[in-house]
Amino acid sequence: MLFRPTTGAEVDRVAAVTVPEPVGWIGADRYRDEFGKGMYRPEWTWLAEDDDGRLLARAL
């Protein structure tokens, strides 16, 4: 498993992640909006990928 920060080009990939519980949920529209306002930065957003590059999780 690979853990790494995102890049600015991965906004849509990060926004596409969904979770079922309401505590840690941030929807795609909210993420894109707040990313655009500088409230999230690529170096503050981390991804977990398997060996094939499949996205397993995100941490905002």
C-alpha atoms as a PDB file:
ATOM      1  CA  MET A   1       0.000   0.000   0.000  1.00  0.00           C
ATOM      2  CA  LEU A   2       1.237   3.473  -0.879  1.00  0.00           C
ATOM      3  CA  PHE A   3       0.425   6.583   1.169  1.00  0.00           C
ATOM      4  CA  ARG A   4       1.147   9.893  -0.540  1.00  0.00           C
ATOM      5  CA  PRO A   5       0.001  13.497  -0.760  1.00  0.00           C
ATOM      6  CA  THR A   6      -2.163  14.468  -3.701  1.00  0.00           C
ATOM      7  CA  THR A   7      -1.353  16.852  -6.507  1.00  0.00           C
ATOM      8  CA  GLY A   8      -3.433  19.798  -7.654  1.00  0.00           C
ATOM      9  CA  ALA A   9      -4.479  17.788 -10.719  1.00  0.00           C
ATOM     10  CA  GLU A  10      -6.232  15.162  -8.529  1.00  0.00           C
ATOM     11  CA  VAL A  11      -9.075  17.315  -7.185  1.00  0.00           C
ATOM     12  CA  ASP A  12     -11.722  15.310  -9.054  1.00  0.00           C
ATOM     13  CA  ARG A  13     -10.231  12.000  -7.950  1.00  0.00           C
ATOM     14  CA  VAL A  14     -10.236  13.074  -4.298  1.00  0.00           C
ATOM     15  CA  ALA A  15     -13.745  14.538  -4.568  1.00  0.00           C
ATOM     16  CA  ALA A  16     -15.084  11.263  -5.983  1.00  0.00           C
ATOM     17  CA  VAL A  17     -14.383   9.354  -2.739  1.00  0.00           C
ATOM     18  CA  THR A  18     -17.559   8.685  -0.779  1.00  0.00           C
ATOM     19  CA  VAL A  19     -18.002   7.361   2.751  1.00  0.00           C
ATOM     20  CA  PRO A  20     -21.185   6.053   4.397  1.00  0.00           C
ATOM     21  CA  GLU A  21     -20.850   7.622   7.851  1.00  0.00           C
ATOM     22  CA  PRO A  22     -21.808  11.274   8.397  1.00  0.00           C
ATOM     23  CA  VAL A  23     -18.979  12.149  10.818  1.00  0.00           C
ATOM     24  CA  GLY A  24     -16.143  12.190   8.286  1.00  0.00           C
ATOM     25  CA  TRP A  25     -18.208  12.974   5.215  1.00  0.00           C
ATOM     26  CA  ILE A  26     -17.301  15.813   2.885  1.00  0.00           C
ATOM     27  CA  GLY A  27     -19.154  15.793  -0.398  1.00  0.00           C
ATOM     28  CA  ALA A  28     -17.555  16.429  -3.777  1.00  0.00           C
ATOM     29  CA  ASP A  29     -19.099  19.885  -4.241  1.00  0.00           C
ATOM     30  CA  ARG A  30     -18.013  21.042  -0.791  1.00  0.00           C
ATOM     31  CA  TYR A  31     -14.492  19.698  -1.295  1.00  0.00           C
ATOM     32  CA  ARG A  32     -14.113  21.412  -4.684  1.00  0.00           C
ATOM     33  CA  ASP A  33     -15.499  24.683  -3.308  1.00  0.00           C
ATOM     34  CA  GLU A  34     -13.264  24.693  -0.229  1.00  0.00           C
ATOM     35  CA  PHE A  35     -10.249  23.546  -2.284  1.00  0.00           C
ATOM     36  CA  GLY A  36     -10.845  26.505  -4.584  1.00  0.00           C
ATOM     37  CA  LYS A  37     -10.859  28.829  -1.573  1.00  0.00           C
ATOM     38  CA  GLY A  38      -7.547  27.410  -0.332  1.00  0.00           C
ATOM     39  CA  MET A  39      -9.106  25.639   2.653  1.00  0.00           C
ATOM     40  CA  TYR A  40      -7.609  22.368   1.382  1.00  0.00           C
ATOM     41  CA  ARG A  41      -4.241  22.056  -0.307  1.00  0.00           C
ATOM     42  CA  PRO A  42      -2.819  19.109  -2.228  1.00  0.00           C
ATOM     43  CA  GLU A  43      -0.029  18.655   0.305  1.00  0.00           C
ATOM     44  CA  TRP A  44      -2.625  18.486   3.105  1.00  0.00           C
ATOM     45  CA  THR A  45      -4.669  15.768   1.367  1.00  0.00           C
ATOM     46  CA  TRP A  46      -3.354  12.218   1.411  1.00  0.00           C
ATOM     47  CA  LEU A  47      -4.319   9.142  -0.581  1.00  0.00           C
ATOM     48  CA  ALA A  48      -3.907   5.434   0.097  1.00  0.00           C
ATOM     49  CA  GLU A  49      -3.531   3.363  -3.061  1.00  0.00           C
ATOM     50  CA  ASP A  50      -2.981  -0.322  -3.673  1.00  0.00           C
ATOM     51  CA  ASP A  51      -0.122  -1.608  -5.813  1.00  0.00           C
ATOM     52  CA  ASP A  52      -2.222  -1.123  -8.978  1.00  0.00           C
ATOM     53  CA  GLY A  53      -2.910   2.554  -8.182  1.00  0.00           C
ATOM     54  CA  ARG A  54      -6.518   1.901  -7.124  1.00  0.00           C
ATOM     55  CA  LEU A  55      -7.657   4.493  -4.601  1.00  0.00           C
ATOM     56  CA  LEU A  56      -8.479   2.906  -1.227  1.00  0.00           C
ATOM     57  CA  ALA A  57      -8.874   5.924   1.068  1.00  0.00           C
ATOM     58  CA  ARG A  58      -8.294   9.642   1.470  1.00  0.00           C
ATOM     59  CA  ALA A  59      -7.410  11.801   4.436  1.00  0.00           C
ATOM     60  CA  LEU A  60      -8.301  15.479   4.325  1.00  0.00           C
END
